[in-house]
Amino acid sequence: MGGIMGPMLPAQYATDRDNYKHRD
């Protein structure tokens, strides 16, 4: 925004932390 970084969001928004178990 205007040459600077916009509002930094909390960590839980920056990375999707949904958790699913992998099964073949």
PDBML (XML) file of the C-alpha atoms, coordinates in Angstrom:
<?xml version="1.0" encoding="UTF-8" ?>
<PDBx:datablock datablockName="MODEL"
   xmlns:PDBx="http://pdbml.pdb.org/schema/pdbx-v50.xsd"
   xmlns:xsi="http://www.w3.org/2001/XMLSchema-instance"
   xsi:schemaLocation="http://pdbml.pdb.org/schema/pdbx-v50.xsd pdbx-v50.xsd">
   <PDBx:atom_siteCategory>
      <PDBx:atom_site id="1">
         <PDBx:B_iso_or_equiv>0.00</PDBx:B_iso_or_equiv>
         <PDBx:Cartn_x>0.000</PDBx:Cartn_x>
         <PDBx:Cartn_y>0.000</PDBx:Cartn_y>
         <PDBx:Cartn_z>0.000</PDBx:Cartn_z>
         <PDBx:auth_asym_id>A</PDBx:auth_asym_id>
         <PDBx:auth_atom_id>CA</PDBx:auth_atom_id>
         <PDBx:auth_comp_id>MET</PDBx:auth_comp_id>
         <PDBx:auth_seq_id>1</PDBx:auth_seq_id>
         <PDBx:group_PDB>ATOM</PDBx:group_PDB>
         <PDBx:label_alt_id xsi:nil="true" />
         <PDBx:label_asym_id>A</PDBx:label_asym_id>
         <PDBx:label_atom_id>CA</PDBx:label_atom_id>
         <PDBx:label_comp_id>MET</PDBx:label_comp_id>
         <PDBx:label_entity_id>1</PDBx:label_entity_id>
         <PDBx:label_seq_id>1</PDBx:label_seq_id>
         <PDBx:occupancy>1.00</PDBx:occupancy>
         <PDBx:pdbx_PDB_model_num>1</PDBx:pdbx_PDB_model_num>
         <PDBx:type_symbol>C</PDBx:type_symbol>
      </PDBx:atom_site>
      <PDBx:atom_site id="2">
         <PDBx:B_iso_or_equiv>0.00</PDBx:B_iso_or_equiv>
         <PDBx:Cartn_x>1.684</PDBx:Cartn_x>
         <PDBx:Cartn_y>3.223</PDBx:Cartn_y>
         <PDBx:Cartn_z>-1.149</PDBx:Cartn_z>
         <PDBx:auth_asym_id>A</PDBx:auth_asym_id>
         <PDBx:auth_atom_id>CA</PDBx:auth_atom_id>
         <PDBx:auth_comp_id>GLY</PDBx:auth_comp_id>
         <PDBx:auth_seq_id>2</PDBx:auth_seq_id>
         <PDBx:group_PDB>ATOM</PDBx:group_PDB>
         <PDBx:label_alt_id xsi:nil="true" />
         <PDBx:label_asym_id>A</PDBx:label_asym_id>
         <PDBx:label_atom_id>CA</PDBx:label_atom_id>
         <PDBx:label_comp_id>GLY</PDBx:label_comp_id>
         <PDBx:label_entity_id>1</PDBx:label_entity_id>
         <PDBx:label_seq_id>2</PDBx:label_seq_id>
         <PDBx:occupancy>1.00</PDBx:occupancy>
         <PDBx:pdbx_PDB_model_num>1</PDBx:pdbx_PDB_model_num>
         <PDBx:type_symbol>C</PDBx:type_symbol>
      </PDBx:atom_site>
      <PDBx:atom_site id="3">
         <PDBx:B_iso_or_equiv>0.00</PDBx:B_iso_or_equiv>
         <PDBx:Cartn_x>5.131</PDBx:Cartn_x>
         <PDBx:Cartn_y>1.671</PDBx:Cartn_y>
         <PDBx:Cartn_z>-1.347</PDBx:Cartn_z>
         <PDBx:auth_asym_id>A</PDBx:auth_asym_id>
         <PDBx:auth_atom_id>CA</PDBx:auth_atom_id>
         <PDBx:auth_comp_id>GLY</PDBx:auth_comp_id>
         <PDBx:auth_seq_id>3</PDBx:auth_seq_id>
         <PDBx:group_PDB>ATOM</PDBx:group_PDB>
         <PDBx:label_alt_id xsi:nil="true" />
         <PDBx:label_asym_id>A</PDBx:label_asym_id>
         <PDBx:label_atom_id>CA</PDBx:label_atom_id>
         <PDBx:label_comp_id>GLY</PDBx:label_comp_id>
         <PDBx:label_entity_id>1</PDBx:label_entity_id>
         <PDBx:label_seq_id>3</PDBx:label_seq_id>
         <PDBx:occupancy>1.00</PDBx:occupancy>
         <PDBx:pdbx_PDB_model_num>1</PDBx:pdbx_PDB_model_num>
         <PDBx:type_symbol>C</PDBx:type_symbol>
      </PDBx:atom_site>
      <PDBx:atom_site id="4">
         <PDBx:B_iso_or_equiv>0.00</PDBx:B_iso_or_equiv>
         <PDBx:Cartn_x>4.967</PDBx:Cartn_x>
         <PDBx:Cartn_y>0.026</PDBx:Cartn_y>
         <PDBx:Cartn_z>2.114</PDBx:Cartn_z>
         <PDBx:auth_asym_id>A</PDBx:auth_asym_id>
         <PDBx:auth_atom_id>CA</PDBx:auth_atom_id>
         <PDBx:auth_comp_id>ILE</PDBx:auth_comp_id>
         <PDBx:auth_seq_id>4</PDBx:auth_seq_id>
         <PDBx:group_PDB>ATOM</PDBx:group_PDB>
         <PDBx:label_alt_id xsi:nil="true" />
         <PDBx:label_asym_id>A</PDBx:label_asym_id>
         <PDBx:label_atom_id>CA</PDBx:label_atom_id>
         <PDBx:label_comp_id>ILE</PDBx:label_comp_id>
         <PDBx:label_entity_id>1</PDBx:label_entity_id>
         <PDBx:label_seq_id>4</PDBx:label_seq_id>
         <PDBx:occupancy>1.00</PDBx:occupancy>
         <PDBx:pdbx_PDB_model_num>1</PDBx:pdbx_PDB_model_num>
         <PDBx:type_symbol>C</PDBx:type_symbol>
      </PDBx:atom_site>
      <PDBx:atom_site id="5">
         <PDBx:B_iso_or_equiv>0.00</PDBx:B_iso_or_equiv>
         <PDBx:Cartn_x>3.639</PDBx:Cartn_x>
         <PDBx:Cartn_y>-3.266</PDBx:Cartn_y>
         <PDBx:Cartn_z>3.325</PDBx:Cartn_z>
         <PDBx:auth_asym_id>A</PDBx:auth_asym_id>
         <PDBx:auth_atom_id>CA</PDBx:auth_atom_id>
         <PDBx:auth_comp_id>MET</PDBx:auth_comp_id>
         <PDBx:auth_seq_id>5</PDBx:auth_seq_id>
         <PDBx:group_PDB>ATOM</PDBx:group_PDB>
         <PDBx:label_alt_id xsi:nil="true" />
         <PDBx:label_asym_id>A</PDBx:label_asym_id>
         <PDBx:label_atom_id>CA</PDBx:label_atom_id>
         <PDBx:label_comp_id>MET</PDBx:label_comp_id>
         <PDBx:label_entity_id>1</PDBx:label_entity_id>
         <PDBx:label_seq_id>5</PDBx:label_seq_id>
         <PDBx:occupancy>1.00</PDBx:occupancy>
         <PDBx:pdbx_PDB_model_num>1</PDBx:pdbx_PDB_model_num>
         <PDBx:type_symbol>C</PDBx:type_symbol>
      </PDBx:atom_site>
      <PDBx:atom_site id="6">
         <PDBx:B_iso_or_equiv>0.00</PDBx:B_iso_or_equiv>
         <PDBx:Cartn_x>0.008</PDBx:Cartn_x>
         <PDBx:Cartn_y>-3.253</PDBx:Cartn_y>
         <PDBx:Cartn_z>4.305</PDBx:Cartn_z>
         <PDBx:auth_asym_id>A</PDBx:auth_asym_id>
         <PDBx:auth_atom_id>CA</PDBx:auth_atom_id>
         <PDBx:auth_comp_id>GLY</PDBx:auth_comp_id>
         <PDBx:auth_seq_id>6</PDBx:auth_seq_id>
         <PDBx:group_PDB>ATOM</PDBx:group_PDB>
         <PDBx:label_alt_id xsi:nil="true" />
         <PDBx:label_asym_id>A</PDBx:label_asym_id>
         <PDBx:label_atom_id>CA</PDBx:label_atom_id>
         <PDBx:label_comp_id>GLY</PDBx:label_comp_id>
         <PDBx:label_entity_id>1</PDBx:label_entity_id>
         <PDBx:label_seq_id>6</PDBx:label_seq_id>
         <PDBx:occupancy>1.00</PDBx:occupancy>
         <PDBx:pdbx_PDB_model_num>1</PDBx:pdbx_PDB_model_num>
         <PDBx:type_symbol>C</PDBx:type_symbol>
      </PDBx:atom_site>
      <PDBx:atom_site id="7">
         <PDBx:B_iso_or_equiv>0.00</PDBx:B_iso_or_equiv>
         <PDBx:Cartn_x>-1.338</PDBx:Cartn_x>
         <PDBx:Cartn_y>-4.418</PDBx:Cartn_y>
         <PDBx:Cartn_z>7.675</PDBx:Cartn_z>
         <PDBx:auth_asym_id>A</PDBx:auth_asym_id>
         <PDBx:auth_atom_id>CA</PDBx:auth_atom_id>
         <PDBx:auth_comp_id>PRO</PDBx:auth_comp_id>
         <PDBx:auth_seq_id>7</PDBx:auth_seq_id>
         <PDBx:group_PDB>ATOM</PDBx:group_PDB>
         <PDBx:label_alt_id xsi:nil="true" />
         <PDBx:label_asym_id>A</PDBx:label_asym_id>
         <PDBx:label_atom_id>CA</PDBx:label_atom_id>
         <PDBx:label_comp_id>PRO</PDBx:label_comp_id>
         <PDBx:label_entity_id>1</PDBx:label_entity_id>
         <PDBx:label_seq_id>7</PDBx:label_seq_id>
         <PDBx:occupancy>1.00</PDBx:occupancy>
         <PDBx:pdbx_PDB_model_num>1</PDBx:pdbx_PDB_model_num>
         <PDBx:type_symbol>C</PDBx:type_symbol>
      </PDBx:atom_site>
      <PDBx:atom_site id="8">
         <PDBx:B_iso_or_equiv>0.00</PDBx:B_iso_or_equiv>
         <PDBx:Cartn_x>0.367</PDBx:Cartn_x>
         <PDBx:Cartn_y>-7.604</PDBx:Cartn_y>
         <PDBx:Cartn_z>8.830</PDBx:Cartn_z>
         <PDBx:auth_asym_id>A</PDBx:auth_asym_id>
         <PDBx:auth_atom_id>CA</PDBx:auth_atom_id>
         <PDBx:auth_comp_id>MET</PDBx:auth_comp_id>
         <PDBx:auth_seq_id>8</PDBx:auth_seq_id>
         <PDBx:group_PDB>ATOM</PDBx:group_PDB>
         <PDBx:label_alt_id xsi:nil="true" />
         <PDBx:label_asym_id>A</PDBx:label_asym_id>
         <PDBx:label_atom_id>CA</PDBx:label_atom_id>
         <PDBx:label_comp_id>MET</PDBx:label_comp_id>
         <PDBx:label_entity_id>1</PDBx:label_entity_id>
         <PDBx:label_seq_id>8</PDBx:label_seq_id>
         <PDBx:occupancy>1.00</PDBx:occupancy>
         <PDBx:pdbx_PDB_model_num>1</PDBx:pdbx_PDB_model_num>
         <PDBx:type_symbol>C</PDBx:type_symbol>
      </PDBx:atom_site>
      <PDBx:atom_site id="9">
         <PDBx:B_iso_or_equiv>0.00</PDBx:B_iso_or_equiv>
         <PDBx:Cartn_x>-2.114</PDBx:Cartn_x>
         <PDBx:Cartn_y>-10.268</PDBx:Cartn_y>
         <PDBx:Cartn_z>9.782</PDBx:Cartn_z>
         <PDBx:auth_asym_id>A</PDBx:auth_asym_id>
         <PDBx:auth_atom_id>CA</PDBx:auth_atom_id>
         <PDBx:auth_comp_id>LEU</PDBx:auth_comp_id>
         <PDBx:auth_seq_id>9</PDBx:auth_seq_id>
         <PDBx:group_PDB>ATOM</PDBx:group_PDB>
         <PDBx:label_alt_id xsi:nil="true" />
         <PDBx:label_asym_id>A</PDBx:label_asym_id>
         <PDBx:label_atom_id>CA</PDBx:label_atom_id>
         <PDBx:label_comp_id>LEU</PDBx:label_comp_id>
         <PDBx:label_entity_id>1</PDBx:label_entity_id>
         <PDBx:label_seq_id>9</PDBx:label_seq_id>
         <PDBx:occupancy>1.00</PDBx:occupancy>
         <PDBx:pdbx_PDB_model_num>1</PDBx:pdbx_PDB_model_num>
         <PDBx:type_symbol>C</PDBx:type_symbol>
      </PDBx:atom_site>
      <PDBx:atom_site id="10">
         <PDBx:B_iso_or_equiv>0.00</PDBx:B_iso_or_equiv>
         <PDBx:Cartn_x>-1.737</PDBx:Cartn_x>
         <PDBx:Cartn_y>-12.687</PDBx:Cartn_y>
         <PDBx:Cartn_z>12.688</PDBx:Cartn_z>
         <PDBx:auth_asym_id>A</PDBx:auth_asym_id>
         <PDBx:auth_atom_id>CA</PDBx:auth_atom_id>
         <PDBx:auth_comp_id>PRO</PDBx:auth_comp_id>
         <PDBx:auth_seq_id>10</PDBx:auth_seq_id>
         <PDBx:group_PDB>ATOM</PDBx:group_PDB>
         <PDBx:label_alt_id xsi:nil="true" />
         <PDBx:label_asym_id>A</PDBx:label_asym_id>
         <PDBx:label_atom_id>CA</PDBx:label_atom_id>
         <PDBx:label_comp_id>PRO</PDBx:label_comp_id>
         <PDBx:label_entity_id>1</PDBx:label_entity_id>
         <PDBx:label_seq_id>10</PDBx:label_seq_id>
         <PDBx:occupancy>1.00</PDBx:occupancy>
         <PDBx:pdbx_PDB_model_num>1</PDBx:pdbx_PDB_model_num>
         <PDBx:type_symbol>C</PDBx:type_symbol>
      </PDBx:atom_site>
      <PDBx:atom_site id="11">
         <PDBx:B_iso_or_equiv>0.00</PDBx:B_iso_or_equiv>
         <PDBx:Cartn_x>0.050</PDBx:Cartn_x>
         <PDBx:Cartn_y>-15.969</PDBx:Cartn_y>
         <PDBx:Cartn_z>12.038</PDBx:Cartn_z>
         <PDBx:auth_asym_id>A</PDBx:auth_asym_id>
         <PDBx:auth_atom_id>CA</PDBx:auth_atom_id>
         <PDBx:auth_comp_id>ALA</PDBx:auth_comp_id>
         <PDBx:auth_seq_id>11</PDBx:auth_seq_id>
         <PDBx:group_PDB>ATOM</PDBx:group_PDB>
         <PDBx:label_alt_id xsi:nil="true" />
         <PDBx:label_asym_id>A</PDBx:label_asym_id>
         <PDBx:label_atom_id>CA</PDBx:label_atom_id>
         <PDBx:label_comp_id>ALA</PDBx:label_comp_id>
         <PDBx:label_entity_id>1</PDBx:label_entity_id>
         <PDBx:label_seq_id>11</PDBx:label_seq_id>
         <PDBx:occupancy>1.00</PDBx:occupancy>
         <PDBx:pdbx_PDB_model_num>1</PDBx:pdbx_PDB_model_num>
         <PDBx:type_symbol>C</PDBx:type_symbol>
      </PDBx:atom_site>
      <PDBx:atom_site id="12">
         <PDBx:B_iso_or_equiv>0.00</PDBx:B_iso_or_equiv>
         <PDBx:Cartn_x>-3.108</PDBx:Cartn_x>
         <PDBx:Cartn_y>-18.058</PDBx:Cartn_y>
         <PDBx:Cartn_z>11.775</PDBx:Cartn_z>
         <PDBx:auth_asym_id>A</PDBx:auth_asym_id>
         <PDBx:auth_atom_id>CA</PDBx:auth_atom_id>
         <PDBx:auth_comp_id>GLN</PDBx:auth_comp_id>
         <PDBx:auth_seq_id>12</PDBx:auth_seq_id>
         <PDBx:group_PDB>ATOM</PDBx:group_PDB>
         <PDBx:label_alt_id xsi:nil="true" />
         <PDBx:label_asym_id>A</PDBx:label_asym_id>
         <PDBx:label_atom_id>CA</PDBx:label_atom_id>
         <PDBx:label_comp_id>GLN</PDBx:label_comp_id>
         <PDBx:label_entity_id>1</PDBx:label_entity_id>
         <PDBx:label_seq_id>12</PDBx:label_seq_id>
         <PDBx:occupancy>1.00</PDBx:occupancy>
         <PDBx:pdbx_PDB_model_num>1</PDBx:pdbx_PDB_model_num>
         <PDBx:type_symbol>C</PDBx:type_symbol>
      </PDBx:atom_site>
      <PDBx:atom_site id="13">
         <PDBx:B_iso_or_equiv>0.00</PDBx:B_iso_or_equiv>
         <PDBx:Cartn_x>-4.213</PDBx:Cartn_x>
         <PDBx:Cartn_y>-15.999</PDBx:Cartn_y>
         <PDBx:Cartn_z>8.762</PDBx:Cartn_z>
         <PDBx:auth_asym_id>A</PDBx:auth_asym_id>
         <PDBx:auth_atom_id>CA</PDBx:auth_atom_id>
         <PDBx:auth_comp_id>TYR</PDBx:auth_comp_id>
         <PDBx:auth_seq_id>13</PDBx:auth_seq_id>
         <PDBx:group_PDB>ATOM</PDBx:group_PDB>
         <PDBx:label_alt_id xsi:nil="true" />
         <PDBx:label_asym_id>A</PDBx:label_asym_id>
         <PDBx:label_atom_id>CA</PDBx:label_atom_id>
         <PDBx:label_comp_id>TYR</PDBx:label_comp_id>
         <PDBx:label_entity_id>1</PDBx:label_entity_id>
         <PDBx:label_seq_id>13</PDBx:label_seq_id>
         <PDBx:occupancy>1.00</PDBx:occupancy>
         <PDBx:pdbx_PDB_model_num>1</PDBx:pdbx_PDB_model_num>
         <PDBx:type_symbol>C</PDBx:type_symbol>
      </PDBx:atom_site>
      <PDBx:atom_site id="14">
         <PDBx:B_iso_or_equiv>0.00</PDBx:B_iso_or_equiv>
         <PDBx:Cartn_x>-0.827</PDBx:Cartn_x>
         <PDBx:Cartn_y>-15.987</PDBx:Cartn_y>
         <PDBx:Cartn_z>7.024</PDBx:Cartn_z>
         <PDBx:auth_asym_id>A</PDBx:auth_asym_id>
         <PDBx:auth_atom_id>CA</PDBx:auth_atom_id>
         <PDBx:auth_comp_id>ALA</PDBx:auth_comp_id>
         <PDBx:auth_seq_id>14</PDBx:auth_seq_id>
         <PDBx:group_PDB>ATOM</PDBx:group_PDB>
         <PDBx:label_alt_id xsi:nil="true" />
         <PDBx:label_asym_id>A</PDBx:label_asym_id>
         <PDBx:label_atom_id>CA</PDBx:label_atom_id>
         <PDBx:label_comp_id>ALA</PDBx:label_comp_id>
         <PDBx:label_entity_id>1</PDBx:label_entity_id>
         <PDBx:label_seq_id>14</PDBx:label_seq_id>
         <PDBx:occupancy>1.00</PDBx:occupancy>
         <PDBx:pdbx_PDB_model_num>1</PDBx:pdbx_PDB_model_num>
         <PDBx:type_symbol>C</PDBx:type_symbol>
      </PDBx:atom_site>
      <PDBx:atom_site id="15">
         <PDBx:B_iso_or_equiv>0.00</PDBx:B_iso_or_equiv>
         <PDBx:Cartn_x>-0.771</PDBx:Cartn_x>
         <PDBx:Cartn_y>-19.792</PDBx:Cartn_y>
         <PDBx:Cartn_z>6.813</PDBx:Cartn_z>
         <PDBx:auth_asym_id>A</PDBx:auth_asym_id>
         <PDBx:auth_atom_id>CA</PDBx:auth_atom_id>
         <PDBx:auth_comp_id>THR</PDBx:auth_comp_id>
         <PDBx:auth_seq_id>15</PDBx:auth_seq_id>
         <PDBx:group_PDB>ATOM</PDBx:group_PDB>
         <PDBx:label_alt_id xsi:nil="true" />
         <PDBx:label_asym_id>A</PDBx:label_asym_id>
         <PDBx:label_atom_id>CA</PDBx:label_atom_id>
         <PDBx:label_comp_id>THR</PDBx:label_comp_id>
         <PDBx:label_entity_id>1</PDBx:label_entity_id>
         <PDBx:label_seq_id>15</PDBx:label_seq_id>
         <PDBx:occupancy>1.00</PDBx:occupancy>
         <PDBx:pdbx_PDB_model_num>1</PDBx:pdbx_PDB_model_num>
         <PDBx:type_symbol>C</PDBx:type_symbol>
      </PDBx:atom_site>
      <PDBx:atom_site id="16">
         <PDBx:B_iso_or_equiv>0.00</PDBx:B_iso_or_equiv>
         <PDBx:Cartn_x>-3.659</PDBx:Cartn_x>
         <PDBx:Cartn_y>-22.180</PDBx:Cartn_y>
         <PDBx:Cartn_z>6.367</PDBx:Cartn_z>
         <PDBx:auth_asym_id>A</PDBx:auth_asym_id>
         <PDBx:auth_atom_id>CA</PDBx:auth_atom_id>
         <PDBx:auth_comp_id>ASP</PDBx:auth_comp_id>
         <PDBx:auth_seq_id>16</PDBx:auth_seq_id>
         <PDBx:group_PDB>ATOM</PDBx:group_PDB>
         <PDBx:label_alt_id xsi:nil="true" />
         <PDBx:label_asym_id>A</PDBx:label_asym_id>
         <PDBx:label_atom_id>CA</PDBx:label_atom_id>
         <PDBx:label_comp_id>ASP</PDBx:label_comp_id>
         <PDBx:label_entity_id>1</PDBx:label_entity_id>
         <PDBx:label_seq_id>16</PDBx:label_seq_id>
         <PDBx:occupancy>1.00</PDBx:occupancy>
         <PDBx:pdbx_PDB_model_num>1</PDBx:pdbx_PDB_model_num>
         <PDBx:type_symbol>C</PDBx:type_symbol>
      </PDBx:atom_site>
      <PDBx:atom_site id="17">
         <PDBx:B_iso_or_equiv>0.00</PDBx:B_iso_or_equiv>
         <PDBx:Cartn_x>-3.393</PDBx:Cartn_x>
         <PDBx:Cartn_y>-24.533</PDBx:Cartn_y>
         <PDBx:Cartn_z>9.353</PDBx:Cartn_z>
         <PDBx:auth_asym_id>A</PDBx:auth_asym_id>
         <PDBx:auth_atom_id>CA</PDBx:auth_atom_id>
         <PDBx:auth_comp_id>ARG</PDBx:auth_comp_id>
         <PDBx:auth_seq_id>17</PDBx:auth_seq_id>
         <PDBx:group_PDB>ATOM</PDBx:group_PDB>
         <PDBx:label_alt_id xsi:nil="true" />
         <PDBx:label_asym_id>A</PDBx:label_asym_id>
         <PDBx:label_atom_id>CA</PDBx:label_atom_id>
         <PDBx:label_comp_id>ARG</PDBx:label_comp_id>
         <PDBx:label_entity_id>1</PDBx:label_entity_id>
         <PDBx:label_seq_id>17</PDBx:label_seq_id>
         <PDBx:occupancy>1.00</PDBx:occupancy>
         <PDBx:pdbx_PDB_model_num>1</PDBx:pdbx_PDB_model_num>
         <PDBx:type_symbol>C</PDBx:type_symbol>
      </PDBx:atom_site>
      <PDBx:atom_site id="18">
         <PDBx:B_iso_or_equiv>0.00</PDBx:B_iso_or_equiv>
         <PDBx:Cartn_x>-6.186</PDBx:Cartn_x>
         <PDBx:Cartn_y>-26.946</PDBx:Cartn_y>
         <PDBx:Cartn_z>8.454</PDBx:Cartn_z>
         <PDBx:auth_asym_id>A</PDBx:auth_asym_id>
         <PDBx:auth_atom_id>CA</PDBx:auth_atom_id>
         <PDBx:auth_comp_id>ASP</PDBx:auth_comp_id>
         <PDBx:auth_seq_id>18</PDBx:auth_seq_id>
         <PDBx:group_PDB>ATOM</PDBx:group_PDB>
         <PDBx:label_alt_id xsi:nil="true" />
         <PDBx:label_asym_id>A</PDBx:label_asym_id>
         <PDBx:label_atom_id>CA</PDBx:label_atom_id>
         <PDBx:label_comp_id>ASP</PDBx:label_comp_id>
         <PDBx:label_entity_id>1</PDBx:label_entity_id>
         <PDBx:label_seq_id>18</PDBx:label_seq_id>
         <PDBx:occupancy>1.00</PDBx:occupancy>
         <PDBx:pdbx_PDB_model_num>1</PDBx:pdbx_PDB_model_num>
         <PDBx:type_symbol>C</PDBx:type_symbol>
      </PDBx:atom_site>
      <PDBx:atom_site id="19">
         <PDBx:B_iso_or_equiv>0.00</PDBx:B_iso_or_equiv>
         <PDBx:Cartn_x>-5.036</PDBx:Cartn_x>
         <PDBx:Cartn_y>-30.434</PDBx:Cartn_y>
         <PDBx:Cartn_z>9.360</PDBx:Cartn_z>
         <PDBx:auth_asym_id>A</PDBx:auth_asym_id>
         <PDBx:auth_atom_id>CA</PDBx:auth_atom_id>
         <PDBx:auth_comp_id>ASN</PDBx:auth_comp_id>
         <PDBx:auth_seq_id>19</PDBx:auth_seq_id>
         <PDBx:group_PDB>ATOM</PDBx:group_PDB>
         <PDBx:label_alt_id xsi:nil="true" />
         <PDBx:label_asym_id>A</PDBx:label_asym_id>
         <PDBx:label_atom_id>CA</PDBx:label_atom_id>
         <PDBx:label_comp_id>ASN</PDBx:label_comp_id>
         <PDBx:label_entity_id>1</PDBx:label_entity_id>
         <PDBx:label_seq_id>19</PDBx:label_seq_id>
         <PDBx:occupancy>1.00</PDBx:occupancy>
         <PDBx:pdbx_PDB_model_num>1</PDBx:pdbx_PDB_model_num>
         <PDBx:type_symbol>C</PDBx:type_symbol>
      </PDBx:atom_site>
      <PDBx:atom_site id="20">
         <PDBx:B_iso_or_equiv>0.00</PDBx:B_iso_or_equiv>
         <PDBx:Cartn_x>-5.903</PDBx:Cartn_x>
         <PDBx:Cartn_y>-33.507</PDBx:Cartn_y>
         <PDBx:Cartn_z>7.276</PDBx:Cartn_z>
         <PDBx:auth_asym_id>A</PDBx:auth_asym_id>
         <PDBx:auth_atom_id>CA</PDBx:auth_atom_id>
         <PDBx:auth_comp_id>TYR</PDBx:auth_comp_id>
         <PDBx:auth_seq_id>20</PDBx:auth_seq_id>
         <PDBx:group_PDB>ATOM</PDBx:group_PDB>
         <PDBx:label_alt_id xsi:nil="true" />
         <PDBx:label_asym_id>A</PDBx:label_asym_id>
         <PDBx:label_atom_id>CA</PDBx:label_atom_id>
         <PDBx:label_comp_id>TYR</PDBx:label_comp_id>
         <PDBx:label_entity_id>1</PDBx:label_entity_id>
         <PDBx:label_seq_id>20</PDBx:label_seq_id>
         <PDBx:occupancy>1.00</PDBx:occupancy>
         <PDBx:pdbx_PDB_model_num>1</PDBx:pdbx_PDB_model_num>
         <PDBx:type_symbol>C</PDBx:type_symbol>
      </PDBx:atom_site>
      <PDBx:atom_site id="21">
         <PDBx:B_iso_or_equiv>0.00</PDBx:B_iso_or_equiv>
         <PDBx:Cartn_x>-4.377</PDBx:Cartn_x>
         <PDBx:Cartn_y>-36.942</PDBx:Cartn_y>
         <PDBx:Cartn_z>7.617</PDBx:Cartn_z>
         <PDBx:auth_asym_id>A</PDBx:auth_asym_id>
         <PDBx:auth_atom_id>CA</PDBx:auth_atom_id>
         <PDBx:auth_comp_id>LYS</PDBx:auth_comp_id>
         <PDBx:auth_seq_id>21</PDBx:auth_seq_id>
         <PDBx:group_PDB>ATOM</PDBx:group_PDB>
         <PDBx:label_alt_id xsi:nil="true" />
         <PDBx:label_asym_id>A</PDBx:label_asym_id>
         <PDBx:label_atom_id>CA</PDBx:label_atom_id>
         <PDBx:label_comp_id>LYS</PDBx:label_comp_id>
         <PDBx:label_entity_id>1</PDBx:label_entity_id>
         <PDBx:label_seq_id>21</PDBx:label_seq_id>
         <PDBx:occupancy>1.00</PDBx:occupancy>
         <PDBx:pdbx_PDB_model_num>1</PDBx:pdbx_PDB_model_num>
         <PDBx:type_symbol>C</PDBx:type_symbol>
      </PDBx:atom_site>
      <PDBx:atom_site id="22">
         <PDBx:B_iso_or_equiv>0.00</PDBx:B_iso_or_equiv>
         <PDBx:Cartn_x>-2.897</PDBx:Cartn_x>
         <PDBx:Cartn_y>-38.488</PDBx:Cartn_y>
         <PDBx:Cartn_z>4.501</PDBx:Cartn_z>
         <PDBx:auth_asym_id>A</PDBx:auth_asym_id>
         <PDBx:auth_atom_id>CA</PDBx:auth_atom_id>
         <PDBx:auth_comp_id>HIS</PDBx:auth_comp_id>
         <PDBx:auth_seq_id>22</PDBx:auth_seq_id>
         <PDBx:group_PDB>ATOM</PDBx:group_PDB>
         <PDBx:label_alt_id xsi:nil="true" />
         <PDBx:label_asym_id>A</PDBx:label_asym_id>
         <PDBx:label_atom_id>CA</PDBx:label_atom_id>
         <PDBx:label_comp_id>HIS</PDBx:label_comp_id>
         <PDBx:label_entity_id>1</PDBx:label_entity_id>
         <PDBx:label_seq_id>22</PDBx:label_seq_id>
         <PDBx:occupancy>1.00</PDBx:occupancy>
         <PDBx:pdbx_PDB_model_num>1</PDBx:pdbx_PDB_model_num>
         <PDBx:type_symbol>C</PDBx:type_symbol>
      </PDBx:atom_site>
      <PDBx:atom_site id="23">
         <PDBx:B_iso_or_equiv>0.00</PDBx:B_iso_or_equiv>
         <PDBx:Cartn_x>-4.067</PDBx:Cartn_x>
         <PDBx:Cartn_y>-41.987</PDBx:Cartn_y>
         <PDBx:Cartn_z>3.585</PDBx:Cartn_z>
         <PDBx:auth_asym_id>A</PDBx:auth_asym_id>
         <PDBx:auth_atom_id>CA</PDBx:auth_atom_id>
         <PDBx:auth_comp_id>ARG</PDBx:auth_comp_id>
         <PDBx:auth_seq_id>23</PDBx:auth_seq_id>
         <PDBx:group_PDB>ATOM</PDBx:group_PDB>
         <PDBx:label_alt_id xsi:nil="true" />
         <PDBx:label_asym_id>A</PDBx:label_asym_id>
         <PDBx:label_atom_id>CA</PDBx:label_atom_id>
         <PDBx:label_comp_id>ARG</PDBx:label_comp_id>
         <PDBx:label_entity_id>1</PDBx:label_entity_id>
         <PDBx:label_seq_id>23</PDBx:label_seq_id>
         <PDBx:occupancy>1.00</PDBx:occupancy>
         <PDBx:pdbx_PDB_model_num>1</PDBx:pdbx_PDB_model_num>
         <PDBx:type_symbol>C</PDBx:type_symbol>
      </PDBx:atom_site>
      <PDBx:atom_site id="24">
         <PDBx:B_iso_or_equiv>0.00</PDBx:B_iso_or_equiv>
         <PDBx:Cartn_x>-3.060</PDBx:Cartn_x>
         <PDBx:Cartn_y>-43.845</PDBx:Cartn_y>
         <PDBx:Cartn_z>0.458</PDBx:Cartn_z>
         <PDBx:auth_asym_id>A</PDBx:auth_asym_id>
         <PDBx:auth_atom_id>CA</PDBx:auth_atom_id>
         <PDBx:auth_comp_id>ASP</PDBx:auth_comp_id>
         <PDBx:auth_seq_id>24</PDBx:auth_seq_id>
         <PDBx:group_PDB>ATOM</PDBx:group_PDB>
         <PDBx:label_alt_id xsi:nil="true" />
         <PDBx:label_asym_id>A</PDBx:label_asym_id>
         <PDBx:label_atom_id>CA</PDBx:label_atom_id>
         <PDBx:label_comp_id>ASP</PDBx:label_comp_id>
         <PDBx:label_entity_id>1</PDBx:label_entity_id>
         <PDBx:label_seq_id>24</PDBx:label_seq_id>
         <PDBx:occupancy>1.00</PDBx:occupancy>
         <PDBx:pdbx_PDB_model_num>1</PDBx:pdbx_PDB_model_num>
         <PDBx:type_symbol>C</PDBx:type_symbol>
      </PDBx:atom_site>
   </PDBx:atom_siteCategory>
</PDBx:datablock>
